[in-house]
N, C-alpha and C. Protein backbone atom coordinates (compact mmCIF):
# COMPACT_ATOMS: atom_id res chain seq x y z
N MET A 1 -41.11 -42.10 35.43
CA MET A 1 -40.11 -41.62 34.62
C MET A 1 -38.26 -41.52 35.56
N LEU A 2 -37.64 -41.64 34.43
CA LEU A 2 -36.43 -41.32 34.65
C LEU A 2 -35.79 -39.91 34.41
N ILE A 3 -34.97 -39.39 35.42
CA ILE A 3 -34.33 -38.30 34.75
C ILE A 3 -32.78 -38.17 34.62
N SER A 4 -32.67 -38.22 33.49
CA SER A 4 -31.04 -38.27 33.45
C SER A 4 -29.97 -37.20 33.89
N GLU A 5 -28.86 -37.11 34.77
CA GLU A 5 -28.40 -36.33 35.32
C GLU A 5 -27.00 -35.86 33.78
N THR A 6 -27.11 -36.66 33.22
CA THR A 6 -25.96 -36.16 31.86
C THR A 6 -26.04 -34.62 31.46
N PRO A 7 -25.46 -33.84 31.67
CA PRO A 7 -25.85 -32.74 31.15
C PRO A 7 -25.86 -32.51 29.27
N ILE A 8 -26.91 -31.53 28.94
CA ILE A 8 -26.97 -31.11 27.52
C ILE A 8 -25.35 -30.72 27.11
N VAL A 9 -24.86 -30.68 25.77
CA VAL A 9 -23.65 -29.65 25.97
C VAL A 9 -24.07 -29.28 24.36
N LEU A 10 -24.41 -28.39 24.03
CA LEU A 10 -24.09 -27.41 22.94
C LEU A 10 -23.04 -27.75 22.02
N THR A 11 -23.09 -28.10 20.65
CA THR A 11 -21.84 -27.98 19.78
C THR A 11 -21.73 -27.52 18.32
N ASP A 12 -23.40 -26.88 18.34
CA ASP A 12 -23.54 -26.00 17.44
C ASP A 12 -22.33 -24.97 16.33
N THR A 13 -21.23 -25.27 15.82
CA THR A 13 -20.62 -24.04 15.21
C THR A 13 -20.66 -23.62 14.21
N THR A 14 -22.42 -23.08 14.21
CA THR A 14 -22.88 -22.30 12.70
C THR A 14 -23.53 -21.00 13.56
N LEU A 15 -23.60 -21.21 15.23
CA LEU A 15 -24.32 -20.11 15.91
C LEU A 15 -23.29 -19.13 15.84
N PRO A 16 -23.24 -17.52 15.66
CA PRO A 16 -22.53 -16.58 15.70
C PRO A 16 -22.18 -16.25 16.92
N ILE A 17 -20.77 -15.57 16.76
CA ILE A 17 -19.94 -15.18 18.01
C ILE A 17 -20.64 -14.17 18.32
N LEU A 18 -20.89 -13.91 19.71
CA LEU A 18 -21.48 -12.92 20.77
C LEU A 18 -20.15 -12.07 20.89
N ARG A 19 -20.37 -11.11 20.39
CA ARG A 19 -19.18 -9.59 20.75
C ARG A 19 -19.59 -8.79 21.17
N HIS A 20 -18.42 -8.22 22.08
CA HIS A 20 -18.79 -7.39 23.40
C HIS A 20 -19.37 -5.38 22.49
N GLY A 21 -20.44 -5.40 23.17
CA GLY A 21 -21.00 -3.77 22.18
C GLY A 21 -20.11 -2.57 21.91
N ALA A 22 -19.98 -1.85 21.60
CA ALA A 22 -18.59 -1.28 21.13
C ALA A 22 -19.20 0.19 21.80
N GLY A 23 -20.44 0.50 22.24
CA GLY A 23 -20.96 2.04 23.06
C GLY A 23 -21.61 2.61 21.84
N VAL A 24 -21.09 2.75 20.64
CA VAL A 24 -21.48 3.19 19.49
C VAL A 24 -21.75 2.28 18.32
N SER A 25 -22.85 2.72 18.12
CA SER A 25 -23.02 1.88 16.54
C SER A 25 -22.95 2.27 15.51
N GLY A 26 -22.52 2.10 14.20
CA GLY A 26 -22.40 2.69 12.69
C GLY A 26 -20.87 2.29 12.49
N TYR A 27 -20.43 1.90 13.23
CA TYR A 27 -18.41 1.35 12.80
C TYR A 27 -18.67 0.75 11.33
N LYS A 28 -17.74 0.80 10.37
CA LYS A 28 -17.58 0.89 9.11
C LYS A 28 -16.56 -0.68 8.91
N HIS A 29 -15.75 -0.82 10.11
CA HIS A 29 -14.75 -1.78 10.41
C HIS A 29 -14.56 -2.03 11.87
N ARG A 30 -14.10 -3.11 12.11
CA ARG A 30 -13.56 -3.22 13.69
C ARG A 30 -12.92 -4.85 13.70
N TRP A 31 -11.73 -4.52 14.22
CA TRP A 31 -10.97 -5.63 14.74
C TRP A 31 -10.69 -5.81 15.82
N ILE A 32 -10.61 -6.97 16.14
CA ILE A 32 -10.68 -7.46 17.51
C ILE A 32 -9.59 -8.77 17.55
N MET A 33 -8.45 -8.39 18.45
CA MET A 33 -7.42 -9.18 18.16
C MET A 33 -7.41 -10.40 18.84
N ASN A 34 -8.61 -10.66 19.50
CA ASN A 34 -9.17 -11.80 20.13
C ASN A 34 -9.44 -13.16 19.27
N GLU A 35 -9.90 -12.57 18.34
CA GLU A 35 -10.23 -13.27 17.05
C GLU A 35 -9.53 -13.77 16.24
N VAL A 36 -8.01 -13.33 16.43
CA VAL A 36 -6.96 -14.02 15.47
C VAL A 36 -6.58 -15.31 15.69
N THR A 37 -6.89 -15.72 14.93
CA THR A 37 -6.58 -17.94 14.62
C THR A 37 -5.42 -18.42 15.14
N ALA A 38 -4.46 -17.48 15.12
CA ALA A 38 -3.15 -17.58 15.57
C ALA A 38 -3.05 -18.22 17.18
N ALA A 39 -2.27 -18.92 17.40
CA ALA A 39 -2.07 -19.28 18.80
C ALA A 39 -1.03 -18.14 19.49
N VAL A 40 -1.73 -18.34 20.81
CA VAL A 40 -0.58 -17.60 22.09
C VAL A 40 0.84 -17.95 21.86
N ASP A 41 1.91 -16.70 21.58
CA ASP A 41 3.39 -17.03 21.48
C ASP A 41 3.50 -17.68 20.34
N THR A 42 2.57 -17.29 19.22
CA THR A 42 2.99 -17.60 17.56
C THR A 42 2.72 -16.12 16.71
N VAL A 43 3.39 -15.96 15.82
CA VAL A 43 2.93 -14.91 14.62
C VAL A 43 1.74 -14.94 14.02
N ALA A 44 1.08 -13.88 14.04
CA ALA A 44 -0.49 -13.38 13.52
C ALA A 44 -0.12 -12.87 11.83
N LEU A 45 -0.31 -13.36 11.26
CA LEU A 45 -0.25 -12.18 10.04
C LEU A 45 -1.73 -11.60 9.69
N THR A 46 -2.41 -11.90 10.14
CA THR A 46 -4.12 -11.57 9.45
C THR A 46 -5.07 -11.23 10.64
N VAL A 47 -5.72 -10.23 10.84
CA VAL A 47 -6.80 -10.07 11.85
C VAL A 47 -7.80 -9.88 11.01
N PRO A 48 -9.00 -10.36 11.16
CA PRO A 48 -10.00 -10.56 10.61
C PRO A 48 -10.82 -9.37 10.78
N ASP A 49 -11.82 -8.99 9.81
CA ASP A 49 -12.44 -7.73 10.36
C ASP A 49 -13.78 -8.25 9.73
N TYR A 50 -14.90 -8.37 10.85
CA TYR A 50 -15.63 -8.91 11.03
C TYR A 50 -16.85 -7.97 10.60
N VAL A 51 -16.88 -6.73 10.17
CA VAL A 51 -17.88 -5.73 9.80
C VAL A 51 -18.02 -5.33 8.27
N GLY A 52 -16.40 -5.16 7.96
CA GLY A 52 -16.26 -4.46 6.53
C GLY A 52 -15.53 -5.70 5.85
N GLY A 53 -14.98 -6.44 6.15
CA GLY A 53 -14.46 -7.70 5.43
C GLY A 53 -12.99 -7.31 4.76
N VAL A 54 -12.31 -6.19 5.70
CA VAL A 54 -10.97 -5.94 5.02
C VAL A 54 -9.82 -6.04 6.32
N PRO A 55 -9.42 -7.36 5.87
CA PRO A 55 -8.26 -7.88 6.85
C PRO A 55 -7.14 -6.25 7.36
N PHE A 56 -6.68 -6.74 8.44
CA PHE A 56 -5.13 -6.39 8.79
C PHE A 56 -4.33 -7.03 8.77
N THR A 57 -3.50 -7.60 7.24
CA THR A 57 -2.23 -8.19 6.87
C THR A 57 -1.10 -7.49 7.20
N GLY A 58 0.25 -8.65 6.83
CA GLY A 58 1.49 -8.17 6.69
C GLY A 58 2.15 -9.04 6.80
N THR A 59 3.46 -9.29 6.44
CA THR A 59 4.43 -10.30 6.14
C THR A 59 5.49 -10.53 7.39
N SER A 60 5.35 -9.48 8.11
CA SER A 60 6.17 -9.57 9.38
C SER A 60 5.28 -9.12 10.56
N GLY A 61 4.57 -10.14 10.62
CA GLY A 61 3.28 -9.71 12.14
C GLY A 61 3.87 -9.81 13.09
N PRO A 62 3.02 -8.91 14.10
CA PRO A 62 3.19 -9.43 15.68
C PRO A 62 2.99 -10.44 16.14
N THR A 63 3.12 -10.89 17.31
CA THR A 63 3.43 -12.08 18.22
C THR A 63 2.16 -12.11 19.35
N VAL A 64 1.29 -13.05 19.08
CA VAL A 64 -0.07 -12.89 20.27
C VAL A 64 0.34 -13.19 21.42
N LYS A 65 -0.02 -12.38 22.47
CA LYS A 65 -0.34 -12.78 23.52
C LYS A 65 -1.10 -12.45 24.42
N ALA A 66 -1.37 -12.71 25.30
CA ALA A 66 -2.98 -12.89 25.92
C ALA A 66 -2.53 -11.93 27.51
N LEU A 67 -3.56 -11.04 27.68
CA LEU A 67 -4.10 -10.76 29.45
C LEU A 67 -3.92 -12.61 30.25
N PRO A 68 -4.41 -11.54 31.62
CA PRO A 68 -4.63 -13.06 32.25
C PRO A 68 -5.70 -13.44 32.35
N SER A 69 -6.70 -12.72 32.08
CA SER A 69 -8.16 -13.04 31.68
C SER A 69 -8.56 -14.03 30.48
N GLY A 70 -7.38 -14.23 29.52
CA GLY A 70 -7.18 -15.10 28.49
C GLY A 70 -7.30 -14.34 27.13
N ILE A 71 -7.67 -13.29 27.21
CA ILE A 71 -7.90 -12.36 26.11
C ILE A 71 -6.69 -12.13 25.33
N LYS A 72 -6.58 -12.42 24.23
CA LYS A 72 -5.98 -11.94 23.10
C LYS A 72 -5.60 -10.63 22.86
N TYR A 73 -3.76 -10.30 22.91
CA TYR A 73 -3.23 -9.20 22.14
C TYR A 73 -2.74 -9.74 21.13
N LEU A 74 -1.94 -8.42 20.58
CA LEU A 74 -1.03 -8.32 19.70
C LEU A 74 0.05 -7.42 20.43
N GLN A 75 1.52 -7.95 19.89
CA GLN A 75 2.43 -7.52 20.42
C GLN A 75 3.66 -7.39 19.40
N PHE A 76 3.46 -6.06 18.80
CA PHE A 76 4.79 -5.39 17.59
C PHE A 76 6.26 -5.17 18.68
N ASP A 77 6.90 -5.52 17.86
CA ASP A 77 8.06 -5.68 18.56
C ASP A 77 9.43 -4.30 18.19
N GLY A 78 8.85 -3.24 17.82
CA GLY A 78 9.15 -2.14 17.20
C GLY A 78 10.64 -2.01 16.62
N SER A 79 10.49 -3.16 15.43
CA SER A 79 11.86 -3.23 14.82
C SER A 79 11.33 -3.67 13.44
N ALA A 80 10.24 -4.54 12.96
CA ALA A 80 9.82 -5.12 12.07
C ALA A 80 8.42 -5.06 12.23
N ASN A 81 7.83 -5.63 12.78
CA ASN A 81 6.35 -5.69 12.94
C ASN A 81 5.37 -4.69 12.27
N THR A 82 4.41 -5.06 12.12
CA THR A 82 3.51 -4.03 10.98
C THR A 82 2.40 -4.92 10.54
N LEU A 83 0.97 -4.24 10.29
CA LEU A 83 -0.30 -4.89 9.96
C LEU A 83 -0.81 -3.52 9.17
N THR A 84 -1.27 -4.21 7.79
CA THR A 84 -1.91 -2.90 6.95
C THR A 84 -3.00 -3.28 6.61
N ALA A 85 -4.58 -2.32 6.57
CA ALA A 85 -5.51 -2.75 6.54
C ALA A 85 -5.82 -1.58 5.51
N ALA A 86 -6.18 -2.16 3.85
CA ALA A 86 -6.65 -0.96 2.64
C ALA A 86 -8.08 -0.97 3.02
N ILE A 87 -8.83 -0.10 3.82
CA ILE A 87 -9.94 0.58 3.92
C ILE A 87 -10.23 1.39 2.51
N PRO A 88 -11.47 1.49 2.17
CA PRO A 88 -11.89 2.33 1.53
C PRO A 88 -11.87 3.83 2.08
N ALA A 89 -11.58 4.97 1.06
CA ALA A 89 -11.31 5.85 1.88
C ALA A 89 -12.71 6.40 2.28
N GLY A 90 -12.94 7.06 3.58
CA GLY A 90 -13.93 7.72 3.61
C GLY A 90 -14.78 6.69 4.77
N ASP A 91 -13.84 5.91 4.95
CA ASP A 91 -14.75 5.17 5.75
C ASP A 91 -13.76 4.98 7.47
N ALA A 92 -13.35 5.73 7.36
CA ALA A 92 -12.45 5.91 8.90
C ALA A 92 -12.46 8.12 9.19
N LEU A 93 -13.47 8.29 9.81
CA LEU A 93 -13.27 9.60 9.94
C LEU A 93 -12.83 9.69 11.49
N THR A 94 -13.15 8.08 12.24
CA THR A 94 -12.62 8.12 13.66
C THR A 94 -12.18 7.14 13.58
N VAL A 95 -10.82 6.70 14.34
CA VAL A 95 -10.20 5.41 14.29
C VAL A 95 -10.15 5.87 16.04
N VAL A 96 -10.86 4.35 16.75
CA VAL A 96 -10.55 3.51 18.33
C VAL A 96 -9.32 2.51 18.39
N MET A 97 -8.73 3.03 19.35
CA MET A 97 -7.69 1.97 19.39
C MET A 97 -7.86 1.48 21.16
N ILE A 98 -7.40 0.45 21.30
CA ILE A 98 -7.47 -0.31 22.94
C ILE A 98 -5.58 -0.92 22.73
N ALA A 99 -5.12 0.66 23.23
CA ALA A 99 -3.47 -0.05 23.08
C ALA A 99 -2.42 0.53 24.02
N ARG A 100 -1.56 0.07 24.13
CA ARG A 100 -0.43 0.28 25.01
C ARG A 100 0.50 0.72 24.48
N SER A 101 1.72 1.54 24.81
CA SER A 101 3.27 1.56 24.10
C SER A 101 3.96 0.88 25.58
N ARG A 102 4.70 -0.03 24.70
CA ARG A 102 5.84 -0.19 25.72
C ARG A 102 7.30 0.51 26.01
N GLY A 103 7.84 1.48 24.60
CA GLY A 103 8.90 2.07 24.73
C GLY A 103 8.79 3.69 24.91
N THR A 104 8.05 4.27 25.09
CA THR A 104 8.08 5.80 25.11
C THR A 104 6.53 5.97 25.62
N ALA A 105 6.90 6.92 26.36
CA ALA A 105 5.62 7.59 27.35
C ALA A 105 4.43 9.09 26.16
N GLY A 106 5.06 9.09 25.33
CA GLY A 106 4.43 10.11 24.52
C GLY A 106 3.34 9.58 23.86
N LEU A 107 2.35 10.52 23.24
CA LEU A 107 1.46 9.71 22.80
C LEU A 107 1.30 11.09 21.69
N LEU A 108 1.24 10.98 19.96
CA LEU A 108 1.22 12.41 19.48
C LEU A 108 0.47 12.43 18.14
N ALA A 109 -0.31 13.49 17.50
CA ALA A 109 -1.36 13.88 16.70
C ALA A 109 -0.58 14.35 15.75
N SER A 110 -0.34 14.19 14.52
CA SER A 110 0.63 15.30 13.59
C SER A 110 0.46 15.36 12.19
N GLY A 111 0.74 16.13 11.38
CA GLY A 111 0.65 16.36 9.60
C GLY A 111 0.62 14.48 9.81
N THR A 112 1.31 14.05 9.81
CA THR A 112 1.82 12.74 9.04
C THR A 112 0.83 11.76 10.02
N GLY A 113 0.65 11.68 11.00
CA GLY A 113 -0.48 10.61 11.68
C GLY A 113 -0.62 11.04 12.76
N ALA A 114 -1.61 9.85 13.74
CA ALA A 114 -1.88 10.09 15.09
C ALA A 114 -1.08 8.68 15.49
N ALA A 115 0.03 9.43 16.68
CA ALA A 115 1.15 7.74 17.05
C ALA A 115 1.10 8.01 18.03
N VAL A 116 0.97 6.23 18.27
CA VAL A 116 1.66 6.30 19.63
C VAL A 116 2.58 5.86 19.51
N GLY A 117 3.84 6.72 20.67
CA GLY A 117 5.04 6.83 20.61
C GLY A 117 5.45 7.94 19.47
N VAL A 118 6.14 9.07 19.35
CA VAL A 118 6.07 9.99 18.82
C VAL A 118 6.41 9.77 17.31
N GLY A 119 5.14 9.71 16.74
CA GLY A 119 5.74 9.53 15.09
C GLY A 119 5.75 7.79 14.64
N SER A 120 5.47 7.39 15.35
CA SER A 120 6.16 5.57 15.37
C SER A 120 4.76 4.90 14.86
N SER A 121 3.94 4.66 15.49
CA SER A 121 3.06 3.87 14.96
C SER A 121 1.13 5.01 15.08
N TYR A 122 1.20 4.85 13.86
CA TYR A 122 -0.42 5.61 13.96
C TYR A 122 -1.28 4.74 13.00
N VAL A 123 -2.23 5.24 12.93
CA VAL A 123 -3.61 5.41 11.84
C VAL A 123 -3.38 6.70 11.40
N GLN A 124 -3.56 6.78 9.76
CA GLN A 124 -2.59 7.83 9.22
C GLN A 124 -3.90 9.33 8.91
N PHE A 125 -3.44 10.29 8.69
CA PHE A 125 -4.18 11.26 7.99
C PHE A 125 -3.29 12.00 8.03
N THR A 126 -3.45 13.20 6.95
CA THR A 126 -2.17 14.05 6.13
C THR A 126 -3.13 15.37 6.62
N GLY A 127 -2.05 16.46 6.71
CA GLY A 127 -2.65 17.86 6.61
C GLY A 127 -2.76 18.30 7.95
N GLY A 128 -2.06 19.26 8.52
CA GLY A 128 -2.60 19.83 9.82
C GLY A 128 -1.46 20.17 10.88
N THR A 129 -1.43 20.74 12.13
CA THR A 129 -0.76 20.63 12.92
C THR A 129 -0.40 19.57 14.21
N THR A 130 0.40 19.82 15.09
CA THR A 130 0.68 18.85 15.48
C THR A 130 0.13 19.07 17.01
N VAL A 131 -0.39 18.24 17.30
CA VAL A 131 -1.16 18.15 18.67
C VAL A 131 -0.76 16.91 19.53
N PRO A 132 -0.30 17.53 20.92
CA PRO A 132 0.30 16.25 21.54
C PRO A 132 -0.64 16.26 22.73
N VAL A 133 -0.85 14.88 23.43
CA VAL A 133 -1.48 14.35 24.23
C VAL A 133 -0.12 13.41 25.04
N ASN A 134 0.08 13.97 26.02
CA ASN A 134 1.37 13.46 26.53
C ASN A 134 0.65 12.30 27.74
N LEU A 135 1.31 11.18 27.90
CA LEU A 135 1.60 10.12 28.94
C LEU A 135 2.16 10.63 30.14
N SER A 136 1.53 9.41 30.77
CA SER A 136 2.30 9.64 31.99
C SER A 136 3.45 8.38 32.57
N ALA A 137 3.02 7.34 31.59
CA ALA A 137 3.44 6.29 31.71
C ALA A 137 3.44 5.85 30.68
N VAL A 138 4.30 4.31 30.71
CA VAL A 138 4.59 3.35 29.49
C VAL A 138 3.82 2.10 30.23
N ASN A 139 3.57 1.35 29.20
CA ASN A 139 2.73 -0.26 29.83
C ASN A 139 1.54 0.02 30.23
N GLN A 140 0.78 1.31 29.84
CA GLN A 140 -0.40 1.27 30.29
C GLN A 140 -1.70 0.84 28.99
N TRP A 141 -2.29 0.09 29.62
CA TRP A 141 -3.34 0.03 28.45
C TRP A 141 -4.18 1.59 28.14
N ARG A 142 -4.72 2.01 27.47
CA ARG A 142 -5.23 2.94 27.21
C ARG A 142 -6.37 3.15 26.17
N PHE A 143 -7.35 3.73 26.03
CA PHE A 143 -8.63 4.63 25.62
C PHE A 143 -8.18 5.38 24.34
N ILE A 144 -7.93 5.32 22.92
CA ILE A 144 -7.51 6.27 22.05
C ILE A 144 -8.23 6.22 21.13
N ALA A 145 -8.64 7.61 21.00
CA ALA A 145 -9.45 7.67 19.63
C ALA A 145 -8.65 9.03 18.55
N ILE A 146 -9.01 9.06 17.45
CA ILE A 146 -8.66 9.67 16.95
C ILE A 146 -9.74 10.20 16.01
N THR A 147 -9.90 11.51 15.40
CA THR A 147 -10.73 12.02 14.71
C THR A 147 -10.19 13.38 13.66
N ALA A 148 -10.62 12.93 12.55
CA ALA A 148 -10.33 13.80 11.35
C ALA A 148 -11.37 14.23 10.06
N ASP A 149 -11.66 15.36 10.14
CA ASP A 149 -12.82 15.98 9.32
C ASP A 149 -12.43 16.19 8.38
N GLY A 150 -11.40 16.66 8.33
CA GLY A 150 -11.21 17.43 7.07
C GLY A 150 -10.78 19.23 7.26
N THR A 151 -11.51 19.61 8.28
CA THR A 151 -10.90 20.42 8.89
C THR A 151 -10.15 20.36 10.16
N ASN A 152 -10.72 19.77 11.35
CA ASN A 152 -10.15 19.55 12.12
C ASN A 152 -10.24 17.77 12.90
N ALA A 153 -8.67 17.72 13.25
CA ALA A 153 -8.39 16.72 14.12
C ALA A 153 -8.23 16.80 15.70
N THR A 154 -8.93 15.44 16.09
CA THR A 154 -8.82 15.51 17.79
C THR A 154 -7.89 14.13 17.79
N MET A 155 -6.94 14.13 19.07
CA MET A 155 -6.60 12.88 19.78
C MET A 155 -7.37 12.94 20.99
N THR A 156 -8.04 12.00 21.30
CA THR A 156 -8.39 11.75 22.38
C THR A 156 -7.73 10.55 23.16
N VAL A 157 -7.23 10.59 24.83
CA VAL A 157 -6.60 9.46 25.45
C VAL A 157 -7.16 9.59 26.57
N ASP A 158 -7.80 8.18 26.91
CA ASP A 158 -8.63 8.10 28.25
C ASP A 158 -9.67 9.04 28.10
N GLY A 159 -9.67 10.00 29.19
CA GLY A 159 -10.67 11.43 29.37
C GLY A 159 -10.31 12.74 28.46
N THR A 160 -8.77 12.50 28.22
CA THR A 160 -8.30 13.85 27.59
C THR A 160 -8.21 14.10 26.30
N THR A 161 -8.85 15.06 25.48
CA THR A 161 -8.83 15.05 24.06
C THR A 161 -8.04 16.51 23.60
N ALA A 162 -7.62 16.72 22.74
CA ALA A 162 -6.73 17.66 22.18
C ALA A 162 -7.05 17.84 20.82
N THR A 163 -7.08 19.65 20.31
CA THR A 163 -8.02 19.06 18.62
C THR A 163 -6.88 20.15 18.47
N GLY A 164 -6.50 19.88 16.97
CA GLY A 164 -5.79 20.65 16.12
C GLY A 164 -6.33 20.56 14.66
N ALA A 165 -6.03 21.80 13.91
CA ALA A 165 -6.14 22.07 12.25
C ALA A 165 -6.05 20.55 11.79
N ALA A 166 -6.28 19.81 10.96
CA ALA A 166 -6.11 18.87 9.84
C ALA A 166 -7.04 19.14 8.48
N THR A 167 -6.03 19.33 7.17
CA THR A 167 -6.58 19.78 6.35
C THR A 167 -7.06 18.39 5.15
N ALA A 168 -6.80 17.43 5.99
CA ALA A 168 -7.55 16.12 4.86
C ALA A 168 -8.05 15.45 5.86
N VAL A 169 -8.58 14.13 5.72
CA VAL A 169 -9.04 13.04 6.39
C VAL A 169 -8.23 11.92 6.32
N PHE A 170 -8.45 10.56 6.86
CA PHE A 170 -7.35 9.78 6.96
C PHE A 170 -7.85 8.82 5.54
N GLY A 171 -6.35 8.75 4.93
CA GLY A 171 -6.59 8.08 3.97
C GLY A 171 -7.34 6.99 3.92
N ASN A 172 -6.57 5.64 2.67
CA ASN A 172 -7.39 4.81 2.79
C ASN A 172 -6.60 3.45 2.95
N VAL A 173 -5.52 3.69 3.82
CA VAL A 173 -4.65 2.56 4.58
C VAL A 173 -4.58 3.14 5.73
N LEU A 174 -4.72 1.79 6.73
CA LEU A 174 -4.45 2.23 8.48
C LEU A 174 -3.46 1.06 8.76
N ARG A 175 -2.51 1.24 8.84
CA ARG A 175 -1.34 0.60 9.35
C ARG A 175 -0.87 0.97 11.00
N LEU A 176 -0.74 -0.35 11.63
CA LEU A 176 -0.52 -0.40 13.04
C LEU A 176 1.11 -0.45 13.16
N ALA A 177 1.83 -0.14 13.99
CA ALA A 177 3.38 -0.29 14.81
C ALA A 177 4.67 0.50 13.35
N ALA A 178 3.79 1.56 12.63
CA ALA A 178 4.96 1.71 11.63
C ALA A 178 4.64 3.21 10.81
N ASN A 179 5.28 3.81 10.55
CA ASN A 179 4.66 4.28 10.25
C ASN A 179 4.47 4.20 8.38
N GLY A 180 4.09 5.34 7.39
CA GLY A 180 3.86 5.33 6.33
C GLY A 180 4.61 4.46 5.14
N THR A 181 6.00 4.43 5.34
CA THR A 181 7.06 4.02 4.83
C THR A 181 6.98 2.55 4.20
N PRO A 182 7.02 1.28 5.25
CA PRO A 182 7.06 1.50 6.66
C PRO A 182 8.14 1.89 7.26
N ALA A 183 8.43 2.62 8.41
CA ALA A 183 9.44 2.89 8.98
C ALA A 183 9.21 3.27 10.48
N ASN A 184 10.29 3.59 11.15
CA ASN A 184 9.94 4.31 12.58
C ASN A 184 8.90 3.37 13.30
N PHE A 185 9.41 1.68 13.36
CA PHE A 185 8.47 1.01 14.03
C PHE A 185 8.51 1.02 15.44
N SER A 186 7.34 0.50 15.92
CA SER A 186 7.08 1.38 17.44
C SER A 186 6.88 -0.44 18.41
N GLN A 187 7.09 -0.21 19.91
CA GLN A 187 6.72 -1.08 20.63
C GLN A 187 5.21 -1.12 21.26
N LEU A 188 4.10 -1.49 20.42
CA LEU A 188 2.91 -1.29 20.76
C LEU A 188 2.21 -2.79 20.94
N ASP A 189 1.59 -2.02 21.67
CA ASP A 189 0.65 -3.93 21.91
C ASP A 189 -0.95 -3.45 21.93
N VAL A 190 -1.75 -3.92 21.06
CA VAL A 190 -3.47 -3.68 20.57
C VAL A 190 -4.12 -4.68 20.86
N LEU A 191 -5.35 -4.45 21.61
CA LEU A 191 -6.27 -5.10 21.69
C LEU A 191 -7.41 -4.96 20.89
N GLU A 192 -7.41 -3.76 20.11
CA GLU A 192 -8.98 -3.50 19.33
C GLU A 192 -8.51 -2.59 18.56
N VAL A 193 -9.25 -2.07 17.41
CA VAL A 193 -9.42 -1.33 16.41
C VAL A 193 -10.94 -1.49 16.06
N ASP A 194 -11.19 -0.08 16.19
CA ASP A 194 -12.92 0.51 15.26
C ASP A 194 -12.61 1.72 14.64
N ALA A 195 -13.40 1.62 13.31
CA ALA A 195 -12.94 2.44 12.30
C ALA A 195 -14.64 3.09 12.32
N TYR A 196 -15.02 4.11 12.86
CA TYR A 196 -16.47 5.38 11.55
C TYR A 196 -15.95 6.08 10.69
N PRO A 197 -17.06 5.84 9.96
CA PRO A 197 -17.32 6.93 9.30
C PRO A 197 -17.83 8.12 9.09
N THR A 198 -17.70 8.53 10.64
CA THR A 198 -18.02 9.81 11.03
C THR A 198 -17.32 10.51 11.94
N ALA A 199 -17.08 12.02 12.42
CA ALA A 199 -16.18 12.30 13.05
C ALA A 199 -16.85 12.41 14.99
N LEU A 200 -17.04 11.26 15.49
CA LEU A 200 -17.66 11.03 16.53
C LEU A 200 -17.39 11.91 17.79
N ASN A 201 -18.32 12.99 18.46
CA ASN A 201 -18.26 13.83 19.33
C ASN A 201 -18.05 13.19 20.32
N VAL A 202 -17.21 14.42 21.79
CA VAL A 202 -17.00 14.07 23.10
C VAL A 202 -17.88 12.94 23.81
N SER A 203 -18.95 13.43 23.77
CA SER A 203 -19.95 12.46 24.07
C SER A 203 -19.88 10.93 24.07
N ALA A 204 -20.23 11.05 22.00
CA ALA A 204 -20.08 9.66 21.73
C ALA A 204 -18.69 8.77 21.92
N LEU A 205 -17.80 9.67 22.13
CA LEU A 205 -16.25 9.04 22.63
C LEU A 205 -16.42 8.38 24.00
N ALA A 206 -16.98 8.92 24.40
CA ALA A 206 -17.10 8.88 25.83
C ALA A 206 -18.23 7.52 26.21
N SER A 207 -19.19 6.94 25.57
CA SER A 207 -19.86 6.10 25.37
C SER A 207 -18.95 4.84 24.99
N VAL A 208 -18.19 4.79 23.59
CA VAL A 208 -17.61 4.30 23.44
C VAL A 208 -16.46 3.54 24.49
N ARG A 209 -15.66 4.75 25.16
CA ARG A 209 -14.97 4.45 26.19
C ARG A 209 -15.82 3.64 27.29
N ALA A 210 -16.49 3.59 27.70
CA ALA A 210 -17.32 3.38 28.69
C ALA A 210 -17.71 1.54 28.46
N ALA A 211 -17.82 1.50 27.25
CA ALA A 211 -18.37 0.02 26.97
C ALA A 211 -16.99 -0.66 26.44
N MET A 212 -15.85 0.37 26.29
CA MET A 212 -14.40 -0.74 26.00
C MET A 212 -14.23 -1.21 27.39
N LYS A 213 -14.12 -0.40 28.69
CA LYS A 213 -14.48 -0.18 30.07
C LYS A 213 -14.74 -1.26 30.87
N VAL A 214 -16.10 -2.14 29.75
CA VAL A 214 -17.18 -3.21 30.51
C VAL A 214 -16.39 -4.08 29.65
N ARG A 215 -15.95 -4.34 28.67
CA ARG A 215 -15.16 -5.45 28.12
C ARG A 215 -13.61 -5.71 28.91
N TYR A 216 -13.19 -4.41 28.66
CA TYR A 216 -11.45 -5.21 29.20
C TYR A 216 -11.21 -4.90 30.84
N GLY A 217 -12.28 -4.20 31.38
CA GLY A 217 -12.30 -4.39 32.74
C GLY A 217 -11.20 -3.26 33.28
N SER A 218 -10.15 -3.31 34.45
CA SER A 218 -9.67 -2.77 35.00
C SER A 218 -8.18 -2.41 35.05
N ILE A 219 -8.07 -3.02 33.35
CA ILE A 219 -6.65 -2.62 32.81
C ILE A 219 -6.97 -0.95 31.94
N LEU A 220 -7.67 -0.40 31.93
CA LEU A 220 -8.13 0.47 31.44
C LEU A 220 -8.08 1.56 32.72
N LEU A 221 -8.29 2.69 32.42
CA LEU A 221 -7.97 3.76 32.95
C LEU A 221 -9.60 4.32 33.36
């Protein structure tokens, strides 16, 4: 009997994409920038939401870049780029971002949003007090999580959490790299955004962070 040395190649394009775990189940929306169809160094005007079916879209989109590992991310220019997802109200009591700021060391949660770069790039909620979480350096990828449950808002950066009052929850729009006008654009890089319909506690957020460190490796603290 002859044994062929020709390798078997599987070319079934109907097989599902195997995505990395999020650490905690139950998310309503998940946008993974590596899944944009635009090529590296071209503009991305849409990011698919493989859970909730609500893509991020825009008319002045960011540029697709890639980590040394080849994983794609989106680079917002700080002057015009922004993407928006119109999600149903109540779908985002927690928003997790894997992102970095290229233009400022500040990260701020306030009554008008949870911002990367002092009021510039945020996932929005309204009402409440300012909750600063300071960063020591720009150009550092961060695990960022923002919760708002109608009473309190939290901002978690890596392993540090700050809490303040918030009289409302996230609205029905998530916007990256600009405030709600949009205006005050920021220089922001984004690898992933996940939205949960519950306010995750510190233990749950630690599990999500651990899963993201498994996926993205040493770029995260």
